[in-house]
Amino acid sequence: MAQFPFLTVDFPLFLAPMEEVSDSSFRAICKSFGADVVISEFVSSEAIIRDVDKSKRKLIFHEDERPFGIQIFGNNRDSLCQAAEIAETYHPDFIDINWGCPVKKIVTKGAGSAILKDIPKMVSLTEAVVQSVKLPVTVKTRLGWDETNQPIVEIAERLQDVGIQMLTIHGRTRSQFYKGTADWTLIGKVKNNPRIFIPIVGNGDIDSGEKALQYKNEYGVDALMVGRAAIGNPFIFDEIRQVLAGKCPNVYLYRDKLETCLKQLRSAAAVKGEKKAVLEMRRHYSGYFKGVSHFKEKKIGLMQAQSIEECENILIKNNEL
């Protein structure tokens, strides 16, 4: 079995780095429900070296979040290396490079998945970052740019050769964004390549314990990364862990979900301020209260709420807590 350079868990579960989602409050919640490894929101290398306060705050984490990685993105060698060196001073367990973000504003700057159109440059920049820091360097990327260009097997070999110590693969191309179904066959091909000895983490469409077990067994990956399915549903990590252990998943009632949701909201407000916390929390409510009857009316109110007190009054209406 491939060895992770920063933990000893046999089959770790990762929380994916997600902009304005995987902040410290949500990471802590996910850790409490069984996420083994968490990663920062992705941070611009240019913003780090320019000392942009908003970006530098994303590098901060708490000791109980370990193992913790800081993810950076960019397309300039000097900026990436300097940013990695600065990130290293915050003492995370590893530095992750984002070569997979499909968002237009990132891609048009030549960062994220844009690099999938220039594999030599991806390899060169990655090698430069590896050589600039002492911490393990890892990479998260996609299968390729589009269905006619999916060189992930070559990418994995070449990135391993320049020193990365873990590779996370999202089973979609850039052109797919998050549409359609993730293709895990190429992830499995990378994992089963006899040349590959670093850990391979599979990512894409892991939304249940049953699917996690199926993909683990079918593709042989060393770990799983959960992204969108965890938004408003940190309980998925416990569900996956229980199913992998051959047990029935724990049942979380409305009260459990409500308490967890409010805990996340209050924690986020303490870190980033009430206004931003209330705004960013809006994307979590559908996940927390999926399947709850008569929640639509509450959700409309939550989408308009401007304060924690308003949110609490809506959520705890009629003393439901």
Protein backbone atom coordinates (compact mmCIF):
# COMPACT_ATOMS: atom_id res chain seq x y z
CA MET A 1 0.00 0.00 0.00
CA ALA A 2 1.22 3.47 -0.86
CA GLN A 3 2.27 5.49 2.17
CA PHE A 4 0.98 8.98 2.92
CA PRO A 5 3.78 11.24 4.11
CA PHE A 6 1.63 12.92 6.77
CA LEU A 7 -0.63 10.30 8.37
CA THR A 8 -0.91 6.63 9.27
CA VAL A 9 -4.62 5.95 8.71
CA ASP A 10 -5.08 2.90 6.48
CA PHE A 11 -7.75 4.41 4.25
CA PRO A 12 -8.16 8.17 4.87
CA LEU A 13 -11.11 10.32 3.94
CA PHE A 14 -10.34 13.82 2.67
CA LEU A 15 -12.50 16.92 2.67
CA ALA A 16 -11.97 18.66 -0.67
CA PRO A 17 -10.74 22.25 -0.76
CA MET A 18 -13.71 24.39 -1.83
CA GLU A 19 -13.80 28.15 -2.16
CA GLU A 20 -16.00 29.80 0.50
CA VAL A 21 -16.96 26.36 1.80
CA SER A 22 -14.00 24.60 3.42
CA ASP A 23 -13.19 27.33 5.92
CA SER A 24 -11.95 26.53 9.42
CA SER A 25 -15.45 26.23 10.90
CA PHE A 26 -16.61 23.70 8.31
CA ARG A 27 -13.31 21.83 8.41
CA ALA A 28 -13.66 21.40 12.18
CA ILE A 29 -17.23 20.14 11.78
CA CYS A 30 -16.16 17.61 9.13
CA LYS A 31 -13.24 16.46 11.28
CA SER A 32 -15.66 15.81 14.14
CA PHE A 33 -17.68 13.49 11.90
CA GLY A 34 -14.73 11.52 10.57
CA ALA A 35 -12.83 13.44 7.90
CA ASP A 36 -9.20 12.40 8.34
CA VAL A 37 -7.54 15.12 6.27
CA VAL A 38 -8.74 18.65 5.52
CA ILE A 39 -7.37 21.27 3.15
CA SER A 40 -7.66 25.04 3.03
CA GLU A 41 -9.78 26.92 0.56
CA PHE A 42 -7.59 27.39 -2.50
CA VAL A 43 -5.40 30.49 -2.25
CA SER A 44 -3.93 32.60 -5.04
CA SER A 45 -0.15 32.54 -5.06
CA GLU A 46 -0.13 36.14 -6.27
CA ALA A 47 -2.36 37.23 -3.40
CA ILE A 48 -0.15 35.47 -0.87
CA ILE A 49 3.03 37.19 -1.99
CA ARG A 50 1.23 40.55 -2.16
CA ASP A 51 0.22 39.99 1.46
CA VAL A 52 -3.51 40.31 0.74
CA ASP A 53 -5.17 40.00 4.12
CA LYS A 54 -8.20 38.06 2.92
CA SER A 55 -5.99 35.43 1.32
CA LYS A 56 -3.46 35.23 4.14
CA ARG A 57 -6.29 34.49 6.59
CA LYS A 58 -7.04 31.33 4.61
CA LEU A 59 -3.64 29.96 5.61
CA ILE A 60 -4.53 29.94 9.30
CA PHE A 61 -5.72 26.71 10.90
CA HIS A 62 -6.08 25.12 14.33
CA GLU A 63 -3.92 22.27 15.60
CA ASP A 64 -6.90 19.93 15.92
CA GLU A 65 -7.43 20.21 12.16
CA ARG A 66 -4.28 18.22 11.43
CA PRO A 67 -3.40 16.62 9.09
CA PHE A 68 -3.97 19.89 7.25
CA GLY A 69 -2.84 21.05 3.83
CA ILE A 70 -2.68 24.49 2.25
CA GLN A 71 -3.70 24.58 -1.41
CA ILE A 72 -2.24 27.22 -3.71
CA PHE A 73 -2.84 28.07 -7.35
CA GLY A 74 -1.16 30.21 -9.99
CA ASN A 75 0.84 29.93 -13.21
CA ASN A 76 4.01 31.89 -12.50
CA ARG A 77 7.07 30.01 -11.27
CA ASP A 78 8.41 32.68 -8.92
CA SER A 79 5.00 33.46 -7.45
CA LEU A 80 4.14 29.81 -6.86
CA CYS A 81 7.47 29.12 -5.20
CA GLN A 82 7.34 32.22 -3.02
CA ALA A 83 3.75 31.46 -2.05
CA ALA A 84 4.69 27.89 -1.12
CA GLU A 85 7.55 29.17 1.01
CA ILE A 86 5.24 31.59 2.81
CA ALA A 87 2.59 28.89 3.26
CA GLU A 88 5.25 26.64 4.76
CA THR A 89 5.86 29.17 7.56
CA TYR A 90 2.31 28.50 8.76
CA HIS A 91 3.41 24.88 9.40
CA PRO A 92 0.75 22.85 7.60
CA ASP A 93 1.41 19.17 7.00
CA PHE A 94 1.67 19.52 3.22
CA ILE A 95 1.39 21.99 0.35
CA ASP A 96 -1.12 21.14 -2.37
CA ILE A 97 -1.06 22.63 -5.87
CA ASN A 98 -4.38 23.14 -7.62
CA TRP A 99 -4.08 22.09 -11.26
CA GLY A 100 -7.76 21.28 -11.60
CA CYS A 101 -10.06 24.23 -10.90
CA PRO A 102 -12.31 24.68 -13.97
CA VAL A 103 -13.69 28.13 -13.09
CA LYS A 104 -13.34 30.61 -15.95
CA LYS A 105 -11.75 33.43 -13.92
CA ILE A 106 -9.00 31.03 -12.83
CA VAL A 107 -8.51 29.36 -16.20
CA THR A 108 -8.27 32.64 -18.14
CA LYS A 109 -5.26 33.50 -15.97
CA GLY A 110 -3.55 30.28 -17.00
CA ALA A 111 -4.03 28.69 -13.58
CA GLY A 112 -6.06 25.73 -12.34
CA SER A 113 -7.07 23.33 -15.11
CA ALA A 114 -5.72 25.66 -17.82
CA ILE A 115 -2.35 24.00 -17.25
CA LEU A 116 -3.80 20.75 -18.62
CA LYS A 117 -3.16 22.19 -22.09
CA ASP A 118 0.55 22.51 -21.32
CA ILE A 119 1.78 19.42 -19.48
CA PRO A 120 5.49 20.31 -19.71
CA LYS A 121 4.77 23.61 -17.96
CA MET A 122 2.69 21.82 -15.30
CA VAL A 123 5.60 19.49 -14.62
CA SER A 124 8.16 22.28 -14.58
CA LEU A 125 6.18 24.49 -12.20
CA THR A 126 5.43 21.57 -9.91
CA GLU A 127 9.08 20.59 -9.77
CA ALA A 128 10.02 24.16 -8.87
CA VAL A 129 7.58 24.17 -5.95
CA VAL A 130 8.81 20.77 -4.75
CA GLN A 131 12.36 22.08 -4.69
CA SER A 132 11.42 25.31 -2.91
CA VAL A 133 9.95 23.79 0.26
CA LYS A 134 10.76 21.05 2.75
CA LEU A 135 7.17 19.95 3.29
CA PRO A 136 5.55 17.26 1.14
CA VAL A 137 4.06 18.70 -2.05
CA THR A 138 0.88 17.16 -3.46
CA VAL A 139 -1.27 17.90 -6.51
CA LYS A 140 -4.98 17.90 -7.27
CA THR A 141 -5.95 17.79 -10.95
CA ARG A 142 -8.40 16.41 -13.50
CA LEU A 143 -8.31 13.78 -16.23
CA GLY A 144 -7.45 16.33 -18.90
CA TRP A 145 -8.79 19.32 -20.77
CA ASP A 146 -11.62 17.61 -22.70
CA GLU A 147 -12.69 14.18 -23.92
CA THR A 148 -10.06 14.22 -26.68
CA ASN A 149 -7.27 15.16 -24.26
CA GLN A 150 -7.09 13.04 -21.09
CA PRO A 151 -3.38 12.46 -20.38
CA ILE A 152 -3.76 11.74 -16.67
CA VAL A 153 -1.65 8.57 -16.76
CA GLU A 154 1.27 10.50 -18.26
CA ILE A 155 0.66 13.39 -15.85
CA ALA A 156 0.76 11.09 -12.84
CA GLU A 157 4.06 9.52 -13.88
CA ARG A 158 5.74 12.82 -14.66
CA LEU A 159 4.56 14.57 -11.50
CA GLN A 160 5.69 11.61 -9.42
CA ASP A 161 9.08 11.76 -11.13
CA VAL A 162 9.57 15.39 -10.07
CA GLY A 163 8.78 14.65 -6.45
CA ILE A 164 5.12 15.03 -5.54
CA GLN A 165 4.10 12.73 -2.71
CA MET A 166 0.38 12.33 -3.39
CA LEU A 167 -1.96 12.88 -6.34
CA THR A 168 -5.68 13.57 -6.13
CA ILE A 169 -7.62 13.02 -9.35
CA HIS A 170 -11.08 14.40 -10.03
CA GLY A 171 -12.68 12.08 -12.55
CA ARG A 172 -13.80 14.78 -14.97
CA THR A 173 -12.19 16.91 -17.64
CA ARG A 174 -12.10 20.69 -17.47
CA SER A 175 -14.74 20.94 -20.20
CA GLN A 176 -17.16 18.93 -18.06
CA PHE A 177 -16.87 21.27 -15.08
CA TYR A 178 -19.09 19.37 -12.61
CA LYS A 179 -21.59 18.03 -15.12
CA GLY A 180 -22.24 14.45 -16.09
CA THR A 181 -20.78 11.49 -14.25
CA ALA A 182 -17.21 11.30 -13.04
CA ASP A 183 -15.18 8.71 -14.97
CA TRP A 184 -13.22 6.64 -12.48
CA THR A 185 -11.79 4.20 -15.02
CA LEU A 186 -8.77 6.43 -15.68
CA ILE A 187 -8.32 7.01 -11.95
CA GLY A 188 -8.16 3.25 -11.56
CA LYS A 189 -5.73 3.02 -14.47
CA VAL A 190 -3.40 5.47 -12.77
CA LYS A 191 -3.62 3.62 -9.46
CA ASN A 192 -2.92 0.27 -11.10
CA ASN A 193 -0.03 1.56 -13.18
CA PRO A 194 3.01 -0.43 -11.98
CA ARG A 195 5.12 2.73 -12.27
CA ILE A 196 3.04 4.58 -9.68
CA PHE A 197 4.02 4.26 -6.02
CA ILE A 198 2.66 7.48 -4.51
CA PRO A 199 -0.85 7.47 -2.96
CA ILE A 200 -3.69 8.11 -5.39
CA VAL A 201 -6.78 9.82 -4.01
CA GLY A 202 -10.02 9.46 -5.97
CA ASN A 203 -12.47 12.36 -6.20
CA GLY A 204 -15.80 12.87 -7.93
CA ASP A 205 -19.39 11.84 -7.19
CA ILE A 206 -18.71 10.23 -3.80
CA ASP A 207 -22.10 10.99 -2.26
CA SER A 208 -22.88 7.94 -0.13
CA GLY A 209 -21.25 5.24 1.95
CA GLU A 210 -22.29 2.60 -0.58
CA LYS A 211 -20.65 4.42 -3.46
CA ALA A 212 -17.50 4.99 -1.42
CA LEU A 213 -17.25 1.27 -0.72
CA GLN A 214 -17.92 0.40 -4.36
CA TYR A 215 -15.28 2.79 -5.71
CA LYS A 216 -12.72 1.78 -3.12
CA ASN A 217 -13.09 -1.87 -4.06
CA GLU A 218 -13.47 -1.39 -7.80
CA TYR A 219 -10.65 1.09 -8.44
CA GLY A 220 -8.24 0.34 -5.60
CA VAL A 221 -7.47 3.94 -4.72
CA ASP A 222 -5.59 4.71 -1.52
CA ALA A 223 -8.12 7.27 -0.26
CA LEU A 224 -11.28 9.11 -1.16
CA MET A 225 -11.93 12.84 -1.30
CA VAL A 226 -15.44 14.16 -0.75
CA GLY A 227 -16.36 17.58 -2.10
CA ARG A 228 -19.81 18.88 -2.98
CA ALA A 229 -21.61 16.00 -1.24
CA ALA A 230 -20.23 17.27 2.08
CA ILE A 231 -21.71 20.76 1.73
CA GLY A 232 -24.35 20.91 4.43
CA ASN A 233 -23.74 17.22 5.04
CA PRO A 234 -20.62 16.67 7.16
CA PHE A 235 -22.32 13.48 8.36
CA ILE A 236 -21.28 11.81 5.11
CA PHE A 237 -17.83 11.12 6.55
CA ASP A 238 -19.34 9.13 9.40
CA GLU A 239 -21.64 7.34 6.95
CA ILE A 240 -18.71 6.35 4.73
CA ARG A 241 -16.61 5.23 7.67
CA GLN A 242 -19.44 3.06 9.03
CA VAL A 243 -20.15 1.44 5.66
CA LEU A 244 -16.46 0.76 5.03
CA ALA A 245 -16.37 -0.97 8.40
CA GLY A 246 -19.33 -3.16 7.44
CA LYS A 247 -21.71 -1.39 9.81
CA CYS A 248 -25.06 0.31 9.37
CA PRO A 249 -24.74 4.08 9.11
CA ASN A 250 -25.72 6.16 12.10
CA VAL A 251 -29.01 8.02 11.80
CA TYR A 252 -28.91 11.78 12.29
CA LEU A 253 -32.21 13.34 13.22
CA TYR A 254 -33.46 16.84 12.54
CA ARG A 255 -32.28 17.95 15.98
CA ASP A 256 -28.75 16.68 15.27
CA LYS A 257 -28.63 18.48 11.95
CA LEU A 258 -30.01 21.68 13.43
CA GLU A 259 -27.47 21.70 16.26
CA THR A 260 -24.60 21.06 13.85
CA CYS A 261 -25.79 23.71 11.41
CA LEU A 262 -26.04 26.34 14.13
CA LYS A 263 -22.65 25.36 15.53
CA GLN A 264 -21.09 25.90 12.11
CA LEU A 265 -22.82 29.24 11.63
CA ARG A 266 -21.75 30.59 15.01
CA SER A 267 -18.21 29.30 14.63
CA ALA A 268 -17.87 30.89 11.19
CA ALA A 269 -19.15 34.21 12.51
CA ALA A 270 -16.56 34.19 15.28
CA VAL A 271 -13.80 33.84 12.68
CA LYS A 272 -14.91 35.90 9.68
CA GLY A 273 -17.65 38.13 11.02
CA GLU A 274 -21.41 37.80 11.12
CA LYS A 275 -22.24 39.26 7.71
CA LYS A 276 -19.88 37.02 5.73
CA ALA A 277 -20.76 33.93 7.78
CA VAL A 278 -24.50 34.41 7.25
CA LEU A 279 -23.98 34.90 3.51
CA GLU A 280 -21.69 31.91 2.99
CA MET A 281 -23.86 29.65 5.15
CA ARG A 282 -26.69 29.91 2.65
CA ARG A 283 -25.20 27.25 0.41
CA HIS A 284 -25.21 24.73 3.27
CA TYR A 285 -28.89 24.77 4.27
CA SER A 286 -30.19 22.56 1.46
CA GLY A 287 -27.73 19.87 2.45
CA TYR A 288 -28.42 20.06 6.16
CA PHE A 289 -32.18 19.86 5.77
CA LYS A 290 -32.58 17.75 2.64
CA GLY A 291 -35.78 15.75 2.85
CA VAL A 292 -37.18 17.76 5.76
CA SER A 293 -40.84 18.45 5.09
CA HIS A 294 -42.01 22.07 4.99
CA PHE A 295 -38.43 23.37 4.91
CA LYS A 296 -38.96 25.37 1.73
CA GLU A 297 -40.58 28.25 3.62
CA LYS A 298 -37.70 28.37 6.09
CA LYS A 299 -35.14 28.28 3.30
CA ILE A 300 -36.69 31.32 1.65
CA GLY A 301 -36.33 33.17 4.94
CA LEU A 302 -32.75 31.99 5.42
CA MET A 303 -31.79 33.21 1.95
CA GLN A 304 -32.92 36.69 3.00
CA ALA A 305 -31.67 36.71 6.60
CA GLN A 306 -28.94 39.22 7.42
CA SER A 307 -28.00 38.21 10.95
CA ILE A 308 -27.38 35.15 13.08
CA GLU A 309 -30.35 36.08 15.24
CA GLU A 310 -32.63 36.04 12.20
CA CYS A 311 -31.26 32.66 11.14
CA GLU A 312 -31.69 31.22 14.61
CA ASN A 313 -35.25 32.50 14.84
CA ILE A 314 -36.11 30.88 11.51
CA LEU A 315 -34.40 27.59 12.31
CA ILE A 316 -35.63 27.29 15.88
CA LYS A 317 -39.17 28.45 15.18
CA ASN A 318 -41.73 26.90 17.52
CA ASN A 319 -38.94 25.69 19.85
CA GLU A 320 -37.97 22.89 17.46
CA LEU A 321 -34.53 22.64 19.02
